[in-house]
PDB file of all heavy atoms in Angstrom:
ATOM      1  N   LYS A   1     -31.814 -24.320  82.112  1.00  0.00           N
ATOM      2  CA  LYS A   1     -30.903 -23.239  82.505  1.00  0.00           C
ATOM      3  C   LYS A   1     -29.618 -23.847  82.952  1.00  0.00           C
ATOM      4  O   LYS A   1     -29.549 -24.652  83.916  1.00  0.00           O
ATOM      5  CB  LYS A   1     -31.580 -22.409  83.560  1.00  0.00           C
ATOM      6  CG  LYS A   1     -30.707 -21.136  83.936  1.00  0.00           C
ATOM      7  CD  LYS A   1     -31.554 -20.294  84.968  1.00  0.00           C
ATOM      8  CE  LYS A   1     -30.766 -19.024  85.267  1.00  0.00           C
ATOM      9  NZ  LYS A   1     -31.572 -18.148  86.202  1.00  0.00           N
ATOM     10  N   ARG A   2     -28.509 -23.463  82.279  1.00  0.00           N
ATOM     11  CA  ARG A   2     -27.214 -23.982  82.606  1.00  0.00           C
ATOM     12  C   ARG A   2     -26.238 -22.818  82.631  1.00  0.00           C
ATOM     13  O   ARG A   2     -26.175 -22.008  81.731  1.00  0.00           O
ATOM     14  CB  ARG A   2     -26.788 -25.017  81.655  1.00  0.00           C
ATOM     15  CG  ARG A   2     -27.589 -26.291  81.658  1.00  0.00           C
ATOM     16  CD  ARG A   2     -27.210 -27.235  80.532  1.00  0.00           C
ATOM     17  NE  ARG A   2     -28.117 -28.430  80.439  1.00  0.00           N
ATOM     18  CZ  ARG A   2     -28.098 -29.289  79.492  1.00  0.00           C
ATOM     19  NH1 ARG A   2     -27.304 -29.156  78.487  1.00  0.00           N
ATOM     20  NH2 ARG A   2     -28.970 -30.363  79.611  1.00  0.00           N
ATOM     21  N   ARG A   3     -25.419 -22.802  83.705  1.00  0.00           N
ATOM     22  CA  ARG A   3     -24.409 -21.733  83.834  1.00  0.00           C
ATOM     23  C   ARG A   3     -25.040 -20.347  83.724  1.00  0.00           C
ATOM     24  O   ARG A   3     -24.435 -19.453  83.152  1.00  0.00           O
ATOM     25  CB  ARG A   3     -23.274 -21.949  82.794  1.00  0.00           C
ATOM     26  CG  ARG A   3     -22.531 -23.192  82.983  1.00  0.00           C
ATOM     27  CD  ARG A   3     -21.672 -23.466  81.879  1.00  0.00           C
ATOM     28  NE  ARG A   3     -20.981 -24.750  82.013  1.00  0.00           N
ATOM     29  CZ  ARG A   3     -20.432 -25.378  80.952  1.00  0.00           C
ATOM     30  NH1 ARG A   3     -20.416 -24.871  79.710  1.00  0.00           N
ATOM     31  NH2 ARG A   3     -19.807 -26.613  81.141  1.00  0.00           N
ATOM     32  N   GLY A   4     -26.219 -20.212  84.333  1.00  0.00           N
ATOM     33  CA  GLY A   4     -26.860 -18.888  84.301  1.00  0.00           C
ATOM     34  C   GLY A   4     -27.515 -18.519  82.983  1.00  0.00           C
ATOM     35  O   GLY A   4     -28.021 -17.371  82.902  1.00  0.00           O
ATOM     36  N   THR A   5     -27.482 -19.336  81.947  1.00  0.00           N
ATOM     37  CA  THR A   5     -28.071 -19.022  80.665  1.00  0.00           C
ATOM     38  C   THR A   5     -29.240 -19.916  80.370  1.00  0.00           C
ATOM     39  O   THR A   5     -29.141 -21.162  80.452  1.00  0.00           O
ATOM     40  CB  THR A   5     -27.068 -19.194  79.527  1.00  0.00           C
ATOM     41  OG1 THR A   5     -25.936 -18.282  79.785  1.00  0.00           O
ATOM     42  CG2 THR A   5     -27.661 -18.773  78.168  1.00  0.00           C
ATOM     43  N   LYS A   6     -30.403 -19.287  79.987  1.00  0.00           N
ATOM     44  CA  LYS A   6     -31.582 -20.040  79.646  1.00  0.00           C
ATOM     45  C   LYS A   6     -31.505 -20.466  78.163  1.00  0.00           C
ATOM     46  O   LYS A   6     -31.139 -19.625  77.342  1.00  0.00           O
ATOM     47  CB  LYS A   6     -32.849 -19.253  79.973  1.00  0.00           C
ATOM     48  CG  LYS A   6     -33.116 -19.047  81.374  1.00  0.00           C
ATOM     49  CD  LYS A   6     -34.434 -18.203  81.588  1.00  0.00           C
ATOM     50  CE  LYS A   6     -35.611 -18.984  81.137  1.00  0.00           C
ATOM     51  NZ  LYS A   6     -36.923 -18.263  81.407  1.00  0.00           N
ATOM     52  N   ARG A   7     -31.910 -21.690  77.973  1.00  0.00           N
ATOM     53  CA  ARG A   7     -31.877 -22.193  76.503  1.00  0.00           C
ATOM     54  C   ARG A   7     -33.239 -22.915  76.305  1.00  0.00           C
ATOM     55  O   ARG A   7     -33.721 -23.562  77.191  1.00  0.00           O
ATOM     56  CB  ARG A   7     -30.681 -23.138  76.326  1.00  0.00           C
ATOM     57  CG  ARG A   7     -29.322 -22.500  76.349  1.00  0.00           C
ATOM     58  CD  ARG A   7     -28.296 -23.522  76.127  1.00  0.00           C
ATOM     59  NE  ARG A   7     -26.933 -22.916  76.021  1.00  0.00           N
ATOM     60  CZ  ARG A   7     -26.209 -22.648  77.112  1.00  0.00           C
ATOM     61  NH1 ARG A   7     -26.687 -22.902  78.312  1.00  0.00           N
ATOM     62  NH2 ARG A   7     -25.056 -22.090  76.914  1.00  0.00           N
ATOM     63  N   VAL A   8     -33.671 -22.819  75.032  1.00  0.00           N
ATOM     64  CA  VAL A   8     -34.832 -23.580  74.627  1.00  0.00           C
ATOM     65  C   VAL A   8     -34.276 -24.795  73.850  1.00  0.00           C
ATOM     66  O   VAL A   8     -33.560 -24.567  72.820  1.00  0.00           O
ATOM     67  CB  VAL A   8     -35.786 -22.801  73.675  1.00  0.00           C
ATOM     68  CG1 VAL A   8     -37.059 -23.607  73.358  1.00  0.00           C
ATOM     69  CG2 VAL A   8     -36.220 -21.482  74.380  1.00  0.00           C
ATOM     70  N   ILE A   9     -34.567 -25.977  74.325  1.00  0.00           N
ATOM     71  CA  ILE A   9     -34.089 -27.133  73.666  1.00  0.00           C
ATOM     72  C   ILE A   9     -35.120 -27.807  72.803  1.00  0.00           C
ATOM     73  O   ILE A   9     -36.256 -28.155  73.321  1.00  0.00           O
ATOM     74  CB  ILE A   9     -33.570 -28.156  74.710  1.00  0.00           C
ATOM     75  CG1 ILE A   9     -32.483 -27.563  75.567  1.00  0.00           C
ATOM     76  CG2 ILE A   9     -33.005 -29.419  73.953  1.00  0.00           C
ATOM     77  CD1 ILE A   9     -31.241 -27.089  74.883  1.00  0.00           C
ATOM     78  N   PHE A  10     -34.899 -27.984  71.505  1.00  0.00           N
ATOM     79  CA  PHE A  10     -35.851 -28.624  70.589  1.00  0.00           C
ATOM     80  C   PHE A  10     -35.350 -30.015  70.312  1.00  0.00           C
ATOM     81  O   PHE A  10     -34.149 -30.204  70.048  1.00  0.00           O
ATOM     82  CB  PHE A  10     -35.980 -27.900  69.272  1.00  0.00           C
ATOM     83  CG  PHE A  10     -36.545 -26.521  69.387  1.00  0.00           C
ATOM     84  CD1 PHE A  10     -35.850 -25.432  69.897  1.00  0.00           C
ATOM     85  CD2 PHE A  10     -37.855 -26.267  69.062  1.00  0.00           C
ATOM     86  CE1 PHE A  10     -36.365 -24.152  70.010  1.00  0.00           C
ATOM     87  CE2 PHE A  10     -38.450 -24.973  69.161  1.00  0.00           C
ATOM     88  CZ  PHE A  10     -37.717 -23.962  69.566  1.00  0.00           C
ATOM     89  N   SER A  11     -36.217 -31.046  70.359  1.00  0.00           N
ATOM     90  CA  SER A  11     -35.794 -32.326  69.940  1.00  0.00           C
ATOM     91  C   SER A  11     -35.538 -32.346  68.423  1.00  0.00           C
ATOM     92  O   SER A  11     -36.021 -31.508  67.692  1.00  0.00           O
ATOM     93  CB  SER A  11     -36.868 -33.405  70.227  1.00  0.00           C
ATOM     94  OG  SER A  11     -37.959 -33.217  69.447  1.00  0.00           O
ATOM     95  N   GLU A  12     -34.729 -33.251  67.945  1.00  0.00           N
ATOM     96  CA  GLU A  12     -34.498 -33.431  66.502  1.00  0.00           C
ATOM     97  C   GLU A  12     -35.767 -33.621  65.759  1.00  0.00           C
ATOM     98  O   GLU A  12     -35.955 -33.057  64.689  1.00  0.00           O
ATOM     99  CB  GLU A  12     -33.493 -34.513  66.242  1.00  0.00           C
ATOM    100  CG  GLU A  12     -32.060 -34.250  66.714  1.00  0.00           C
ATOM    101  CD  GLU A  12     -31.093 -35.350  66.297  1.00  0.00           C
ATOM    102  OE1 GLU A  12     -31.477 -36.254  65.529  1.00  0.00           O
ATOM    103  OE2 GLU A  12     -29.917 -35.276  66.701  1.00  0.00           O
ATOM    104  N   HIS A  13     -36.648 -34.359  66.362  1.00  0.00           N
ATOM    105  CA  HIS A  13     -37.935 -34.622  65.679  1.00  0.00           C
ATOM    106  C   HIS A  13     -38.760 -33.415  65.544  1.00  0.00           C
ATOM    107  O   HIS A  13     -39.370 -33.105  64.529  1.00  0.00           O
ATOM    108  CB  HIS A  13     -38.708 -35.715  66.467  1.00  0.00           C
ATOM    109  CG  HIS A  13     -40.093 -36.073  65.891  1.00  0.00           C
ATOM    110  ND1 HIS A  13     -40.215 -36.746  64.656  1.00  0.00           N
ATOM    111  CD2 HIS A  13     -41.382 -35.770  66.345  1.00  0.00           C
ATOM    112  CE1 HIS A  13     -41.520 -36.862  64.384  1.00  0.00           C
ATOM    113  NE2 HIS A  13     -42.209 -36.325  65.409  1.00  0.00           N
ATOM    114  N   ALA A  14     -38.776 -32.536  66.625  1.00  0.00           N
ATOM    115  CA  ALA A  14     -39.520 -31.313  66.644  1.00  0.00           C
ATOM    116  C   ALA A  14     -38.985 -30.362  65.544  1.00  0.00           C
ATOM    117  O   ALA A  14     -39.764 -29.741  64.792  1.00  0.00           O
ATOM    118  CB  ALA A  14     -39.462 -30.622  67.977  1.00  0.00           C
ATOM    119  N   VAL A  15     -37.715 -30.241  65.465  1.00  0.00           N
ATOM    120  CA  VAL A  15     -37.054 -29.370  64.457  1.00  0.00           C
ATOM    121  C   VAL A  15     -37.348 -29.838  63.081  1.00  0.00           C
ATOM    122  O   VAL A  15     -37.687 -29.111  62.150  1.00  0.00           O
ATOM    123  CB  VAL A  15     -35.529 -29.280  64.658  1.00  0.00           C
ATOM    124  CG1 VAL A  15     -34.823 -28.628  63.487  1.00  0.00           C
ATOM    125  CG2 VAL A  15     -35.237 -28.552  65.939  1.00  0.00           C
ATOM    126  N   SER A  16     -37.320 -31.189  62.865  1.00  0.00           N
ATOM    127  CA  SER A  16     -37.637 -31.798  61.585  1.00  0.00           C
ATOM    128  C   SER A  16     -39.006 -31.455  61.172  1.00  0.00           C
ATOM    129  O   SER A  16     -39.337 -31.089  59.968  1.00  0.00           O
ATOM    130  CB  SER A  16     -37.419 -33.272  61.611  1.00  0.00           C
ATOM    131  OG  SER A  16     -37.764 -33.895  60.376  1.00  0.00           O
ATOM    132  N   GLU A  17     -40.006 -31.568  62.117  1.00  0.00           N
ATOM    133  CA  GLU A  17     -41.392 -31.275  61.781  1.00  0.00           C
ATOM    134  C   GLU A  17     -41.605 -29.825  61.504  1.00  0.00           C
ATOM    135  O   GLU A  17     -42.314 -29.476  60.575  1.00  0.00           O
ATOM    136  CB  GLU A  17     -42.257 -31.696  62.944  1.00  0.00           C
ATOM    137  CG  GLU A  17     -42.445 -33.219  63.149  1.00  0.00           C
ATOM    138  CD  GLU A  17     -43.481 -33.553  64.126  1.00  0.00           C
ATOM    139  OE1 GLU A  17     -43.652 -32.745  65.156  1.00  0.00           O
ATOM    140  OE2 GLU A  17     -44.108 -34.610  64.125  1.00  0.00           O
ATOM    141  N   LEU A  18     -40.941 -28.940  62.246  1.00  0.00           N
ATOM    142  CA  LEU A  18     -41.100 -27.547  62.034  1.00  0.00           C
ATOM    143  C   LEU A  18     -40.517 -27.097  60.654  1.00  0.00           C
ATOM    144  O   LEU A  18     -41.085 -26.280  59.995  1.00  0.00           O
ATOM    145  CB  LEU A  18     -40.419 -26.712  63.162  1.00  0.00           C
ATOM    146  CG  LEU A  18     -41.099 -26.795  64.526  1.00  0.00           C
ATOM    147  CD1 LEU A  18     -40.211 -26.101  65.640  1.00  0.00           C
ATOM    148  CD2 LEU A  18     -42.401 -26.233  64.512  1.00  0.00           C
ATOM    149  N   ALA A  19     -39.436 -27.772  60.330  1.00  0.00           N
ATOM    150  CA  ALA A  19     -38.775 -27.454  58.988  1.00  0.00           C
ATOM    151  C   ALA A  19     -39.643 -27.822  57.866  1.00  0.00           C
ATOM    152  O   ALA A  19     -39.613 -27.274  56.788  1.00  0.00           O
ATOM    153  CB  ALA A  19     -37.402 -28.187  58.890  1.00  0.00           C
ATOM    154  N   GLU A  20     -40.412 -28.877  58.066  1.00  0.00           N
ATOM    155  CA  GLU A  20     -41.326 -29.301  56.971  1.00  0.00           C
ATOM    156  C   GLU A  20     -42.696 -28.665  57.013  1.00  0.00           C
ATOM    157  O   GLU A  20     -43.524 -28.866  56.134  1.00  0.00           O
ATOM    158  CB  GLU A  20     -41.578 -30.912  57.153  1.00  0.00           C
ATOM    159  CG  GLU A  20     -40.312 -31.745  56.998  1.00  0.00           C
ATOM    160  CD  GLU A  20     -40.527 -33.191  57.292  1.00  0.00           C
ATOM    161  OE1 GLU A  20     -41.716 -33.499  57.770  1.00  0.00           O
ATOM    162  OE2 GLU A  20     -39.643 -33.952  57.205  1.00  0.00           O
ATOM    163  N   THR A  21     -42.919 -27.803  58.039  1.00  0.00           N
ATOM    164  CA  THR A  21     -44.129 -27.077  58.111  1.00  0.00           C
ATOM    165  C   THR A  21     -44.069 -25.773  57.441  1.00  0.00           C
ATOM    166  O   THR A  21     -43.186 -24.990  57.750  1.00  0.00           O
ATOM    167  CB  THR A  21     -44.567 -26.872  59.637  1.00  0.00           C
ATOM    168  OG1 THR A  21     -44.694 -28.148  60.217  1.00  0.00           O
ATOM    169  CG2 THR A  21     -45.900 -26.204  59.684  1.00  0.00           C
ATOM    170  N   SER A  22     -44.925 -25.452  56.532  1.00  0.00           N
ATOM    171  CA  SER A  22     -44.859 -24.189  55.864  1.00  0.00           C
ATOM    172  C   SER A  22     -46.063 -23.414  56.107  1.00  0.00           C
ATOM    173  O   SER A  22     -47.177 -23.980  56.352  1.00  0.00           O
ATOM    174  CB  SER A  22     -44.770 -24.400  54.273  1.00  0.00           C
ATOM    175  OG  SER A  22     -45.880 -25.158  53.822  1.00  0.00           O
ATOM    176  N   PRO A  23     -45.994 -22.076  56.089  1.00  0.00           N
ATOM    177  CA  PRO A  23     -47.157 -21.223  56.350  1.00  0.00           C
ATOM    178  C   PRO A  23     -48.253 -21.530  55.279  1.00  0.00           C
ATOM    179  O   PRO A  23     -47.943 -21.782  54.139  1.00  0.00           O
ATOM    180  CB  PRO A  23     -46.643 -19.826  56.168  1.00  0.00           C
ATOM    181  CG  PRO A  23     -45.190 -19.952  56.515  1.00  0.00           C
ATOM    182  CD  PRO A  23     -44.827 -21.261  55.966  1.00  0.00           C
ATOM    183  N   ALA A  24     -49.457 -21.433  55.715  1.00  0.00           N
ATOM    184  CA  ALA A  24     -50.595 -21.713  54.764  1.00  0.00           C
ATOM    185  C   ALA A  24     -51.262 -20.445  54.348  1.00  0.00           C
ATOM    186  O   ALA A  24     -51.517 -19.555  55.198  1.00  0.00           O
ATOM    187  CB  ALA A  24     -51.626 -22.718  55.420  1.00  0.00           C
ATOM    188  N   SER A  25     -51.557 -20.343  53.126  1.00  0.00           N
ATOM    189  CA  SER A  25     -52.242 -19.116  52.573  1.00  0.00           C
ATOM    190  C   SER A  25     -53.822 -19.258  52.800  1.00  0.00           C
ATOM    191  O   SER A  25     -54.476 -18.314  52.891  1.00  0.00           O
ATOM    192  CB  SER A  25     -51.891 -18.964  51.063  1.00  0.00           C
ATOM    193  OG  SER A  25     -52.333 -20.056  50.315  1.00  0.00           O
ATOM    194  N   ALA A  26     -54.231 -20.495  52.848  1.00  0.00           N
ATOM    195  CA  ALA A  26     -55.617 -20.798  53.010  1.00  0.00           C
ATOM    196  C   ALA A  26     -55.819 -22.170  53.476  1.00  0.00           C
ATOM    197  O   ALA A  26     -54.993 -23.069  53.090  1.00  0.00           O
ATOM    198  CB  ALA A  26     -56.411 -20.544  51.718  1.00  0.00           C
ATOM    199  N   GLY A  27     -56.828 -22.465  54.269  1.00  0.00           N
ATOM    200  CA  GLY A  27     -57.120 -23.861  54.657  1.00  0.00           C
ATOM    201  C   GLY A  27     -56.252 -24.318  55.737  1.00  0.00           C
ATOM    202  O   GLY A  27     -56.298 -25.455  56.035  1.00  0.00           O
ATOM    203  N   GLY A  28     -55.420 -23.478  56.362  1.00  0.00           N
ATOM    204  CA  GLY A  28     -54.520 -23.939  57.420  1.00  0.00           C
ATOM    205  C   GLY A  28     -55.297 -23.950  58.707  1.00  0.00           C
ATOM    206  O   GLY A  28     -56.533 -23.788  58.696  1.00  0.00           O
ATOM    207  N   SER A  29     -54.625 -24.191  59.775  1.00  0.00           N
ATOM    208  CA  SER A  29     -55.218 -24.309  61.089  1.00  0.00           C
ATOM    209  C   SER A  29     -55.629 -22.870  61.479  1.00  0.00           C
ATOM    210  O   SER A  29     -55.108 -21.858  61.094  1.00  0.00           O
ATOM    211  CB  SER A  29     -54.271 -24.888  62.084  1.00  0.00           C
ATOM    212  OG  SER A  29     -53.036 -24.086  62.075  1.00  0.00           O
ATOM    213  N   GLY A  30     -56.726 -22.836  62.302  1.00  0.00           N
ATOM    214  CA  GLY A  30     -57.193 -21.591  62.881  1.00  0.00           C
ATOM    215  C   GLY A  30     -56.594 -21.276  64.192  1.00  0.00           C
ATOM    216  O   GLY A  30     -55.975 -22.104  64.813  1.00  0.00           O
ATOM    217  N   ILE A  31     -56.836 -20.036  64.614  1.00  0.00           N
ATOM    218  CA  ILE A  31     -56.370 -19.625  65.888  1.00  0.00           C
ATOM    219  C   ILE A  31     -56.925 -20.455  67.066  1.00  0.00           C
ATOM    220  O   ILE A  31     -56.264 -20.672  68.100  1.00  0.00           O
ATOM    221  CB  ILE A  31     -56.621 -18.101  66.085  1.00  0.00           C
ATOM    222  CG1 ILE A  31     -55.898 -17.577  67.309  1.00  0.00           C
ATOM    223  CG2 ILE A  31     -58.120 -17.893  66.297  1.00  0.00           C
ATOM    224  CD1 ILE A  31     -54.407 -17.450  67.146  1.00  0.00           C
ATOM    225  N   THR A  32     -58.150 -21.011  66.850  1.00  0.00           N
ATOM    226  CA  THR A  32     -58.728 -21.799  67.836  1.00  0.00           C
ATOM    227  C   THR A  32     -57.927 -23.030  68.154  1.00  0.00           C
ATOM    228  O   THR A  32     -57.712 -23.485  69.343  1.00  0.00           O
ATOM    229  CB  THR A  32     -60.113 -22.237  67.386  1.00  0.00           C
ATOM    230  OG1 THR A  32     -60.925 -21.118  67.215  1.00  0.00           O
ATOM    231  CG2 THR A  32     -60.789 -23.119  68.528  1.00  0.00           C
ATOM    232  N   ASP A  33     -57.431 -23.662  67.087  1.00  0.00           N
ATOM    233  CA  ASP A  33     -56.676 -24.915  67.244  1.00  0.00           C
ATOM    234  C   ASP A  33     -55.389 -24.693  68.113  1.00  0.00           C
ATOM    235  O   ASP A  33     -54.973 -25.494  68.841  1.00  0.00           O
ATOM    236  CB  ASP A  33     -56.295 -25.530  65.889  1.00  0.00           C
ATOM    237  CG  ASP A  33     -57.435 -25.804  65.010  1.00  0.00           C
ATOM    238  OD1 ASP A  33     -58.407 -26.400  65.544  1.00  0.00           O
ATOM    239  OD2 ASP A  33     -57.544 -25.358  63.848  1.00  0.00           O
TER     240      ASP A  33
END
């Protein structure tokens, strides 16, 4: 939180991993994981 504004900060590595992660139609992780 800076200057009264909340921000979510993602590391470059996290954004890179999320960008490479695609939704799975089958065989993906379950809600338990």
